[in-house]
Amino acid sequence: MAAISRDEVAHLARLSRLAVTEQELDTFAGQLDVILQAVARVGEVAAADIPPTSHSVPLTNVLREDVVINCLTREEALAGAPDVEDDRFRVPRILDEEA
């Protein structure tokens, strides 16, 4: 027995404001029925003893630990800059003042 009827497909098409032909109603009813049966089969496989998961394999954090290290001083960072103003990198303007 079909999980979705041709009339239900026509109703969904009207709700979605889709113009479908009589032939498309038959086609879509068959296609939607196959989809709904596949979803029902997945529901049958899911067992109560299997915990819900967000991923199929366990994930581990691959990032390194945060460690404070010595870094460049402001003068060292700005030493190689092509243009400096007020102890900052100076770059060309790309936007107008107007916002």
PDB file of N, CA and C in Angstrom:
ATOM      1  N   MET A   1       0.840  -1.185   0.000  1.00  0.00           N
ATOM      2  CA  MET A   1       0.000   0.000   0.000  1.00  0.00           C
ATOM      3  C   MET A   1       0.884   1.247   0.000  1.00  0.00           C
ATOM      4  N   ALA A   2       0.481   2.230  -0.741  1.00  0.00           N
ATOM      5  CA  ALA A   2       1.259   3.467  -0.863  1.00  0.00           C
ATOM      6  C   ALA A   2       1.170   4.279   0.425  1.00  0.00           C
ATOM      7  N   ALA A   3       2.306   4.864   0.802  1.00  0.00           N
ATOM      8  CA  ALA A   3       2.354   5.682   2.011  1.00  0.00           C
ATOM      9  C   ALA A   3       1.769   7.062   1.751  1.00  0.00           C
ATOM     10  N   ILE A   4       1.763   7.496   0.503  1.00  0.00           N
ATOM     11  CA  ILE A   4       1.222   8.814   0.165  1.00  0.00           C
ATOM     12  C   ILE A   4       0.380   8.676  -1.095  1.00  0.00           C
ATOM     13  N   SER A   5      -0.795   9.261  -1.053  1.00  0.00           N
ATOM     14  CA  SER A   5      -1.707   9.129  -2.190  1.00  0.00           C
ATOM     15  C   SER A   5      -1.507  10.268  -3.181  1.00  0.00           C
ATOM     16  N   ARG A   6      -2.101  10.067  -4.333  1.00  0.00           N
ATOM     17  CA  ARG A   6      -2.039  11.079  -5.390  1.00  0.00           C
ATOM     18  C   ARG A   6      -2.745  12.351  -4.921  1.00  0.00           C
ATOM     19  N   ASP A   7      -3.843  12.203  -4.191  1.00  0.00           N
ATOM     20  CA  ASP A   7      -4.575  13.364  -3.675  1.00  0.00           C
ATOM     21  C   ASP A   7      -3.734  14.145  -2.659  1.00  0.00           C
ATOM     22  N   GLU A   8      -2.976  13.424  -1.845  1.00  0.00           N
ATOM     23  CA  GLU A   8      -2.101  14.091  -0.880  1.00  0.00           C
ATOM     24  C   GLU A   8      -0.999  14.870  -1.587  1.00  0.00           C
ATOM     25  N   VAL A   9      -0.474  14.312  -2.655  1.00  0.00           N
ATOM     26  CA  VAL A   9       0.546  15.015  -3.441  1.00  0.00           C
ATOM     27  C   VAL A   9      -0.063  16.269  -4.063  1.00  0.00           C
ATOM     28  N   ALA A  10      -1.287  16.171  -4.579  1.00  0.00           N
ATOM     29  CA  ALA A  10      -1.954  17.338  -5.163  1.00  0.00           C
ATOM     30  C   ALA A  10      -2.174  18.399  -4.085  1.00  0.00           C
ATOM     31  N   HIS A  11      -2.546  17.970  -2.882  1.00  0.00           N
ATOM     32  CA  HIS A  11      -2.744  18.909  -1.781  1.00  0.00           C
ATOM     33  C   HIS A  11      -1.427  19.599  -1.422  1.00  0.00           C
ATOM     34  N   LEU A  12      -0.343  18.842  -1.321  1.00  0.00           N
ATOM     35  CA  LEU A  12       0.972  19.424  -1.024  1.00  0.00           C
ATOM     36  C   LEU A  12       1.399  20.399  -2.116  1.00  0.00           C
ATOM     37  N   ALA A  13       1.105  20.062  -3.364  1.00  0.00           N
ATOM     38  CA  ALA A  13       1.447  20.949  -4.480  1.00  0.00           C
ATOM     39  C   ALA A  13       0.678  22.261  -4.363  1.00  0.00           C
ATOM     40  N   ARG A  14      -0.610  22.179  -3.997  1.00  0.00           N
ATOM     41  CA  ARG A  14      -1.395  23.415  -3.829  1.00  0.00           C
ATOM     42  C   ARG A  14      -0.838  24.253  -2.683  1.00  0.00           C
ATOM     43  N   LEU A  15      -0.519  23.606  -1.555  1.00  0.00           N
ATOM     44  CA  LEU A  15       0.035  24.338  -0.416  1.00  0.00           C
ATOM     45  C   LEU A  15       1.359  25.004  -0.776  1.00  0.00           C
ATOM     46  N   SER A  16       2.148  24.334  -1.609  1.00  0.00           N
ATOM     47  CA  SER A  16       3.458  24.861  -2.024  1.00  0.00           C
ATOM     48  C   SER A  16       3.347  25.809  -3.201  1.00  0.00           C
ATOM     49  N   ARG A  17       2.134  25.977  -3.696  1.00  0.00           N
ATOM     50  CA  ARG A  17       1.879  26.822  -4.861  1.00  0.00           C
ATOM     51  C   ARG A  17       2.690  26.371  -6.079  1.00  0.00           C
ATOM     52  N   LEU A  18       2.722  25.059  -6.264  1.00  0.00           N
ATOM     53  CA  LEU A  18       3.408  24.471  -7.412  1.00  0.00           C
ATOM     54  C   LEU A  18       2.374  24.052  -8.443  1.00  0.00           C
ATOM     55  N   ALA A  19       2.600  24.404  -9.674  1.00  0.00           N
ATOM     56  CA  ALA A  19       1.736  23.969 -10.759  1.00  0.00           C
ATOM     57  C   ALA A  19       2.261  22.628 -11.267  1.00  0.00           C
ATOM     58  N   VAL A  20       1.480  21.583 -11.073  1.00  0.00           N
ATOM     59  CA  VAL A  20       1.897  20.257 -11.532  1.00  0.00           C
ATOM     60  C   VAL A  20       0.816  19.675 -12.432  1.00  0.00           C
ATOM     61  N   THR A  21       1.246  18.907 -13.396  1.00  0.00           N
ATOM     62  CA  THR A  21       0.315  18.265 -14.323  1.00  0.00           C
ATOM     63  C   THR A  21      -0.191  16.962 -13.713  1.00  0.00           C
ATOM     64  N   GLU A  22      -1.205  16.405 -14.349  1.00  0.00           N
ATOM     65  CA  GLU A  22      -1.755  15.124 -13.885  1.00  0.00           C
ATOM     66  C   GLU A  22      -0.687  14.033 -13.935  1.00  0.00           C
ATOM     67  N   GLN A  23       0.121  14.050 -14.991  1.00  0.00           N
ATOM     68  CA  GLN A  23       1.184  13.052 -15.120  1.00  0.00           C
ATOM     69  C   GLN A  23       2.224  13.235 -14.015  1.00  0.00           C
ATOM     70  N   GLU A  24       2.563  14.493 -13.691  1.00  0.00           N
ATOM     71  CA  GLU A  24       3.541  14.758 -12.628  1.00  0.00           C
ATOM     72  C   GLU A  24       3.017  14.304 -11.266  1.00  0.00           C
ATOM     73  N   LEU A  25       1.708  14.431 -11.044  1.00  0.00           N
ATOM     74  CA  LEU A  25       1.133  13.954  -9.783  1.00  0.00           C
ATOM     75  C   LEU A  25       1.395  12.464  -9.602  1.00  0.00           C
ATOM     76  N   ASP A  26       1.191  11.695 -10.658  1.00  0.00           N
ATOM     77  CA  ASP A  26       1.451  10.258 -10.582  1.00  0.00           C
ATOM     78  C   ASP A  26       2.928   9.973 -10.342  1.00  0.00           C
ATOM     79  N   THR A  27       3.792  10.695 -11.059  1.00  0.00           N
ATOM     80  CA  THR A  27       5.242  10.517 -10.921  1.00  0.00           C
ATOM     81  C   THR A  27       5.700  10.868  -9.515  1.00  0.00           C
ATOM     82  N   PHE A  28       5.264  12.043  -9.037  1.00  0.00           N
ATOM     83  CA  PHE A  28       5.683  12.489  -7.705  1.00  0.00           C
ATOM     84  C   PHE A  28       5.143  11.587  -6.610  1.00  0.00           C
ATOM     85  N   ALA A  29       3.917  11.094  -6.773  1.00  0.00           N
ATOM     86  CA  ALA A  29       3.351  10.193  -5.766  1.00  0.00           C
ATOM     87  C   ALA A  29       4.211   8.942  -5.643  1.00  0.00           C
ATOM     88  N   GLY A  30       4.648   8.393  -6.757  1.00  0.00           N
ATOM     89  CA  GLY A  30       5.510   7.208  -6.727  1.00  0.00           C
ATOM     90  C   GLY A  30       6.867   7.507  -6.118  1.00  0.00           C
ATOM     91  N   GLN A  31       7.448   8.634  -6.492  1.00  0.00           N
ATOM     92  CA  GLN A  31       8.765   9.002  -5.965  1.00  0.00           C
ATOM     93  C   GLN A  31       8.707   9.284  -4.466  1.00  0.00           C
ATOM     94  N   LEU A  32       7.695  10.038  -4.028  1.00  0.00           N
ATOM     95  CA  LEU A  32       7.561  10.332  -2.604  1.00  0.00           C
ATOM     96  C   LEU A  32       7.286   9.065  -1.802  1.00  0.00           C
ATOM     97  N   ASP A  33       6.543   8.135  -2.373  1.00  0.00           N
ATOM     98  CA  ASP A  33       6.278   6.868  -1.697  1.00  0.00           C
ATOM     99  C   ASP A  33       7.576   6.100  -1.463  1.00  0.00           C
ATOM    100  N   VAL A  34       8.452   6.080  -2.457  1.00  0.00           N
ATOM    101  CA  VAL A  34       9.748   5.403  -2.304  1.00  0.00           C
ATOM    102  C   VAL A  34      10.565   6.069  -1.203  1.00  0.00           C
ATOM    103  N   ILE A  35      10.564   7.387  -1.171  1.00  0.00           N
ATOM    104  CA  ILE A  35      11.319   8.120  -0.149  1.00  0.00           C
ATOM    105  C   ILE A  35      10.767   7.823   1.237  1.00  0.00           C
ATOM    106  N   LEU A  36       9.444   7.874   1.386  1.00  0.00           N
ATOM    107  CA  LEU A  36       8.831   7.621   2.691  1.00  0.00           C
ATOM    108  C   LEU A  36       9.077   6.182   3.163  1.00  0.00           C
ATOM    109  N   GLN A  37       9.074   5.235   2.254  1.00  0.00           N
ATOM    110  CA  GLN A  37       9.374   3.846   2.628  1.00  0.00           C
ATOM    111  C   GLN A  37      10.819   3.703   3.083  1.00  0.00           C
ATOM    112  N   ALA A  38      11.740   4.403   2.419  1.00  0.00           N
ATOM    113  CA  ALA A  38      13.149   4.347   2.820  1.00  0.00           C
ATOM    114  C   ALA A  38      13.335   4.943   4.207  1.00  0.00           C
ATOM    115  N   VAL A  39      12.664   6.044   4.488  1.00  0.00           N
ATOM    116  CA  VAL A  39      12.753   6.659   5.811  1.00  0.00           C
ATOM    117  C   VAL A  39      12.164   5.718   6.865  1.00  0.00           C
ATOM    118  N   ALA A  40      11.077   5.056   6.546  1.00  0.00           N
ATOM    119  CA  ALA A  40      10.465   4.104   7.483  1.00  0.00           C
ATOM    120  C   ALA A  40      11.418   2.945   7.778  1.00  0.00           C
ATOM    121  N   ARG A  41      12.144   2.483   6.766  1.00  0.00           N
ATOM    122  CA  ARG A  41      13.108   1.387   6.986  1.00  0.00           C
ATOM    123  C   ARG A  41      14.231   1.831   7.920  1.00  0.00           C
ATOM    124  N   VAL A  42      14.696   3.058   7.773  1.00  0.00           N
ATOM    125  CA  VAL A  42      15.741   3.574   8.660  1.00  0.00           C
ATOM    126  C   VAL A  42      15.217   3.618  10.087  1.00  0.00           C
ATOM    127  N   GLY A  43      13.965   4.027  10.251  1.00  0.00           N
ATOM    128  CA  GLY A  43      13.362   4.066  11.572  1.00  0.00           C
ATOM    129  C   GLY A  43      13.267   2.697  12.211  1.00  0.00           C
ATOM    130  N   GLU A  44      13.064   1.660  11.411  1.00  0.00           N
ATOM    131  CA  GLU A  44      12.987   0.293  11.934  1.00  0.00           C
ATOM    132  C   GLU A  44      14.353  -0.186  12.425  1.00  0.00           C
ATOM    133  N   VAL A  45      15.421   0.243  11.768  1.00  0.00           N
ATOM    134  CA  VAL A  45      16.762  -0.210  12.114  1.00  0.00           C
ATOM    135  C   VAL A  45      17.235   0.397  13.422  1.00  0.00           C
ATOM    136  N   ALA A  46      16.865   1.640  13.684  1.00  0.00           N
ATOM    137  CA  ALA A  46      17.310   2.315  14.898  1.00  0.00           C
ATOM    138  C   ALA A  46      16.795   1.558  16.115  1.00  0.00           C
ATOM    139  N   ALA A  47      17.718   1.126  16.960  1.00  0.00           N
ATOM    140  CA  ALA A  47      17.352   0.340  18.140  1.00  0.00           C
ATOM    141  C   ALA A  47      17.451   1.201  19.392  1.00  0.00           C
ATOM    142  N   ALA A  48      16.670   0.839  20.386  1.00  0.00           N
ATOM    143  CA  ALA A  48      16.641   1.602  21.632  1.00  0.00           C
ATOM    144  C   ALA A  48      17.957   1.489  22.400  1.00  0.00           C
ATOM    145  N   ASP A  49      18.713   0.414  22.181  1.00  0.00           N
ATOM    146  CA  ASP A  49      19.955   0.223  22.931  1.00  0.00           C
ATOM    147  C   ASP A  49      21.155   0.936  22.306  1.00  0.00           C
ATOM    148  N   ILE A  50      20.943   1.630  21.193  1.00  0.00           N
ATOM    149  CA  ILE A  50      22.028   2.371  20.549  1.00  0.00           C
ATOM    150  C   ILE A  50      21.911   3.833  20.968  1.00  0.00           C
ATOM    151  N   PRO A  51      22.940   4.363  21.646  1.00  0.00           N
ATOM    152  CA  PRO A  51      22.845   5.753  22.102  1.00  0.00           C
ATOM    153  C   PRO A  51      22.916   6.724  20.923  1.00  0.00           C
ATOM    154  N   PRO A  52      22.208   7.851  21.016  1.00  0.00           N
ATOM    155  CA  PRO A  52      22.297   8.851  19.952  1.00  0.00           C
ATOM    156  C   PRO A  52      23.693   9.451  19.898  1.00  0.00           C
ATOM    157  N   THR A  53      24.177   9.712  18.702  1.00  0.00           N
ATOM    158  CA  THR A  53      25.511  10.282  18.522  1.00  0.00           C
ATOM    159  C   THR A  53      25.449  11.417  17.503  1.00  0.00           C
ATOM    160  N   SER A  54      26.417  12.299  17.578  1.00  0.00           N
ATOM    161  CA  SER A  54      26.479  13.376  16.597  1.00  0.00           C
ATOM    162  C   SER A  54      27.378  13.000  15.415  1.00  0.00           C
ATOM    163  N   HIS A  55      28.261  12.010  15.624  1.00  0.00           N
ATOM    164  CA  HIS A  55      29.169  11.567  14.563  1.00  0.00           C
ATOM    165  C   HIS A  55      29.237  10.045  14.565  1.00  0.00           C
ATOM    166  N   SER A  56      29.525   9.497  13.411  1.00  0.00           N
ATOM    167  CA  SER A  56      29.580   8.046  13.302  1.00  0.00           C
ATOM    168  C   SER A  56      30.864   7.456  13.889  1.00  0.00           C
ATOM    169  N   VAL A  57      31.901   8.268  14.003  1.00  0.00           N
ATOM    170  CA  VAL A  57      33.159   7.810  14.602  1.00  0.00           C
ATOM    171  C   VAL A  57      33.536   8.765  15.728  1.00  0.00           C
ATOM    172  N   PRO A  58      34.230   8.279  16.743  1.00  0.00           N
ATOM    173  CA  PRO A  58      34.613   9.186  17.835  1.00  0.00           C
ATOM    174  C   PRO A  58      35.584  10.263  17.349  1.00  0.00           C
ATOM    175  N   LEU A  59      35.412  11.468  17.854  1.00  0.00           N
ATOM    176  CA  LEU A  59      36.285  12.570  17.482  1.00  0.00           C
ATOM    177  C   LEU A  59      37.179  12.919  18.663  1.00  0.00           C
ATOM    178  N   THR A  60      38.396  13.282  18.356  1.00  0.00           N
ATOM    179  CA  THR A  60      39.306  13.748  19.396  1.00  0.00           C
ATOM    180  C   THR A  60      39.852  15.103  18.976  1.00  0.00           C
ATOM    181  N   ASN A  61      40.184  15.907  19.947  1.00  0.00           N
ATOM    182  CA  ASN A  61      40.717  17.230  19.668  1.00  0.00           C
ATOM    183  C   ASN A  61      42.158  17.077  19.177  1.00  0.00           C
ATOM    184  N   VAL A  62      42.442  17.611  18.007  1.00  0.00           N
ATOM    185  CA  VAL A  62      43.781  17.477  17.429  1.00  0.00           C
ATOM    186  C   VAL A  62      44.596  18.757  17.590  1.00  0.00           C
ATOM    187  N   LEU A  63      44.055  19.727  18.325  1.00  0.00           N
ATOM    188  CA  LEU A  63      44.768  20.975  18.519  1.00  0.00           C
ATOM    189  C   LEU A  63      45.760  20.842  19.661  1.00  0.00           C
ATOM    190  N   ARG A  64      46.811  21.609  19.608  1.00  0.00           N
ATOM    191  CA  ARG A  64      47.808  21.584  20.668  1.00  0.00           C
ATOM    192  C   ARG A  64      47.299  22.353  21.870  1.00  0.00           C
ATOM    193  N   GLU A  65      47.928  22.147  22.987  1.00  0.00           N
ATOM    194  CA  GLU A  65      47.594  22.887  24.193  1.00  0.00           C
ATOM    195  C   GLU A  65      47.978  24.355  24.017  1.00  0.00           C
ATOM    196  N   ASP A  66      47.225  25.252  24.630  1.00  0.00           N
ATOM    197  CA  ASP A  66      47.591  26.665  24.621  1.00  0.00           C
ATOM    198  C   ASP A  66      48.775  26.859  25.556  1.00  0.00           C
ATOM    199  N   VAL A  67      49.868  27.315  24.997  1.00  0.00           N
ATOM    200  CA  VAL A  67      51.075  27.544  25.783  1.00  0.00           C
ATOM    201  C   VAL A  67      51.539  28.968  25.515  1.00  0.00           C
ATOM    202  N   VAL A  68      51.775  29.724  26.565  1.00  0.00           N
ATOM    203  CA  VAL A  68      52.271  31.085  26.413  1.00  0.00           C
ATOM    204  C   VAL A  68      53.741  31.026  26.032  1.00  0.00           C
ATOM    205  N   ILE A  69      54.084  31.699  24.925  1.00  0.00           N
ATOM    206  CA  ILE A  69      55.477  31.737  24.475  1.00  0.00           C
ATOM    207  C   ILE A  69      55.853  33.192  24.220  1.00  0.00           C
ATOM    208  N   ASN A  70      57.133  33.438  24.129  1.00  0.00           N
ATOM    209  CA  ASN A  70      57.598  34.779  23.794  1.00  0.00           C
ATOM    210  C   ASN A  70      57.232  35.087  22.354  1.00  0.00           C
ATOM    211  N   CYS A  71      56.809  36.308  22.109  1.00  0.00           N
ATOM    212  CA  CYS A  71      56.454  36.694  20.749  1.00  0.00           C
ATOM    213  C   CYS A  71      57.202  37.974  20.387  1.00  0.00           C
ATOM    214  N   LEU A  72      56.964  38.458  19.189  1.00  0.00           N
ATOM    215  CA  LEU A  72      57.640  39.659  18.725  1.00  0.00           C
ATOM    216  C   LEU A  72      57.204  40.870  19.540  1.00  0.00           C
ATOM    217  N   THR A  73      58.128  41.769  19.737  1.00  0.00           N
ATOM    218  CA  THR A  73      57.767  43.051  20.331  1.00  0.00           C
ATOM    219  C   THR A  73      57.088  43.883  19.251  1.00  0.00           C
ATOM    220  N   ARG A  74      56.452  44.972  19.652  1.00  0.00           N
ATOM    221  CA  ARG A  74      55.805  45.835  18.683  1.00  0.00           C
ATOM    222  C   ARG A  74      56.817  46.361  17.671  1.00  0.00           C
ATOM    223  N   GLU A  75      57.981  46.737  18.142  1.00  0.00           N
ATOM    224  CA  GLU A  75      59.014  47.275  17.247  1.00  0.00           C
ATOM    225  C   GLU A  75      59.481  46.212  16.256  1.00  0.00           C
ATOM    226  N   GLU A  76      59.657  44.979  16.732  1.00  0.00           N
ATOM    227  CA  GLU A  76      60.088  43.901  15.829  1.00  0.00           C
ATOM    228  C   GLU A  76      59.022  43.607  14.778  1.00  0.00           C
ATOM    229  N   ALA A  77      57.756  43.612  15.173  1.00  0.00           N
ATOM    230  CA  ALA A  77      56.676  43.333  14.230  1.00  0.00           C
ATOM    231  C   ALA A  77      56.575  44.435  13.176  1.00  0.00           C
ATOM    232  N   LEU A  78      56.737  45.678  13.596  1.00  0.00           N
ATOM    233  CA  LEU A  78      56.599  46.801  12.667  1.00  0.00           C
ATOM    234  C   LEU A  78      57.861  47.063  11.853  1.00  0.00           C
ATOM    235  N   ALA A  79      58.977  46.432  12.217  1.00  0.00           N
ATOM    236  CA  ALA A  79      60.257  46.692  11.544  1.00  0.00           C
ATOM    237  C   ALA A  79      60.202  46.377  10.049  1.00  0.00           C
ATOM    238  N   GLY A  80      59.476  45.367   9.651  1.00  0.00           N
ATOM    239  CA  GLY A  80      59.442  44.997   8.232  1.00  0.00           C
ATOM    240  C   GLY A  80      58.271  45.586   7.478  1.00  0.00           C
ATOM    241  N   ALA A  81      57.457  46.409   8.127  1.00  0.00           N
ATOM    242  CA  ALA A  81      56.274  46.975   7.470  1.00  0.00           C
ATOM    243  C   ALA A  81      56.678  48.047   6.464  1.00  0.00           C
ATOM    244  N   PRO A  82      56.025  48.099   5.316  1.00  0.00           N
ATOM    245  CA  PRO A  82      56.342  49.132   4.338  1.00  0.00           C
ATOM    246  C   PRO A  82      55.931  50.532   4.805  1.00  0.00           C
ATOM    247  N   ASP A  83      54.906  50.641   5.674  1.00  0.00           N
ATOM    248  CA  ASP A  83      54.470  51.951   6.141  1.00  0.00           C
ATOM    249  C   ASP A  83      53.884  51.798   7.542  1.00  0.00           C
ATOM    250  N   VAL A  84      54.312  52.659   8.454  1.00  0.00           N
ATOM    251  CA  VAL A  84      53.875  52.612   9.855  1.00  0.00           C
ATOM    252  C   VAL A  84      53.383  53.991  10.253  1.00  0.00           C
ATOM    253  N   GLU A  85      52.303  54.021  11.040  1.00  0.00           N
ATOM    254  CA  GLU A  85      51.789  55.291  11.556  1.00  0.00           C
ATOM    255  C   GLU A  85      51.222  55.048  12.952  1.00  0.00           C
ATOM    256  N   ASP A  86      51.642  55.835  13.927  1.00  0.00           N
ATOM    257  CA  ASP A  86      51.176  55.717  15.316  1.00  0.00           C
ATOM    258  C   ASP A  86      51.356  54.291  15.859  1.00  0.00           C
ATOM    259  N   ASP A  87      52.519  53.711  15.630  1.00  0.00           N
ATOM    260  CA  ASP A  87      52.829  52.346  16.098  1.00  0.00           C
ATOM    261  C   ASP A  87      51.860  51.298  15.559  1.00  0.00           C
ATOM    262  N   ARG A  88      51.366  51.485  14.339  1.00  0.00           N
ATOM    263  CA  ARG A  88      50.461  50.526  13.692  1.00  0.00           C
ATOM    264  C   ARG A  88      50.857  50.378  12.232  1.00  0.00           C
ATOM    265  N   PHE A  89      50.439  49.243  11.642  1.00  0.00           N
ATOM    266  CA  PHE A  89      50.617  49.075  10.208  1.00  0.00           C
ATOM    267  C   PHE A  89      49.707  50.067   9.504  1.00  0.00           C
ATOM    268  N   ARG A  90      50.237  50.734   8.494  1.00  0.00           N
ATOM    269  CA  ARG A  90      49.404  51.642   7.704  1.00  0.00           C
ATOM    270  C   ARG A  90      49.127  50.956   6.382  1.00  0.00           C
ATOM    271  N   VAL A  91      47.837  50.865   6.042  1.00  0.00           N
ATOM    272  CA  VAL A  91      47.423  50.190   4.809  1.00  0.00           C
ATOM    273  C   VAL A  91      46.580  51.142   3.979  1.00  0.00           C
ATOM    274  N   PRO A  92      46.471  50.900   2.675  1.00  0.00           N
ATOM    275  CA  PRO A  92      45.659  51.770   1.825  1.00  0.00           C
ATOM    276  C   PRO A  92      44.177  51.683   2.217  1.00  0.00           C
ATOM    277  N   ARG A  93      43.487  52.809   2.114  1.00  0.00           N
ATOM    278  CA  ARG A  93      42.053  52.854   2.396  1.00  0.00           C
ATOM    279  C   ARG A  93      41.321  52.083   1.299  1.00  0.00           C
ATOM    280  N   ILE A  94      40.363  51.237   1.691  1.00  0.00           N
ATOM    281  CA  ILE A  94      39.593  50.487   0.690  1.00  0.00           C
ATOM    282  C   ILE A  94      38.116  50.856   0.730  1.00  0.00           C
ATOM    283  N   LEU A  95      37.670  51.533   1.805  1.00  0.00           N
ATOM    284  CA  LEU A  95      36.269  51.940   1.915  1.00  0.00           C
ATOM    285  C   LEU A  95      36.209  53.438   2.141  1.00  0.00           C
ATOM    286  N   ASP A  96      35.128  54.043   1.676  1.00  0.00           N
ATOM    287  CA  ASP A  96      34.935  55.467   1.928  1.00  0.00           C
ATOM    288  C   ASP A  96      34.552  55.695   3.377  1.00  0.00           C
ATOM    289  N   GLU A  97      34.613  56.928   3.814  1.00  0.00           N
ATOM    290  CA  GLU A  97      34.230  57.295   5.164  1.00  0.00           C
ATOM    291  C   GLU A  97      32.749  57.030   5.418  1.00  0.00           C
ATOM    292  N   GLU A  98      31.926  57.159   4.367  1.00  0.00           N
ATOM    293  CA  GLU A  98      30.480  56.997   4.512  1.00  0.00           C
ATOM    294  C   GLU A  98      30.146  55.547   4.821  1.00  0.00           C
ATOM    295  N   ALA A  99      29.253  55.362   5.752  1.00  0.00           N
ATOM    296  CA  ALA A  99      28.862  53.995   6.106  1.00  0.00           C
ATOM    297  C   ALA A  99      27.384  53.797   5.943  1.00  0.00           C
TER     298      ALA A  99
END
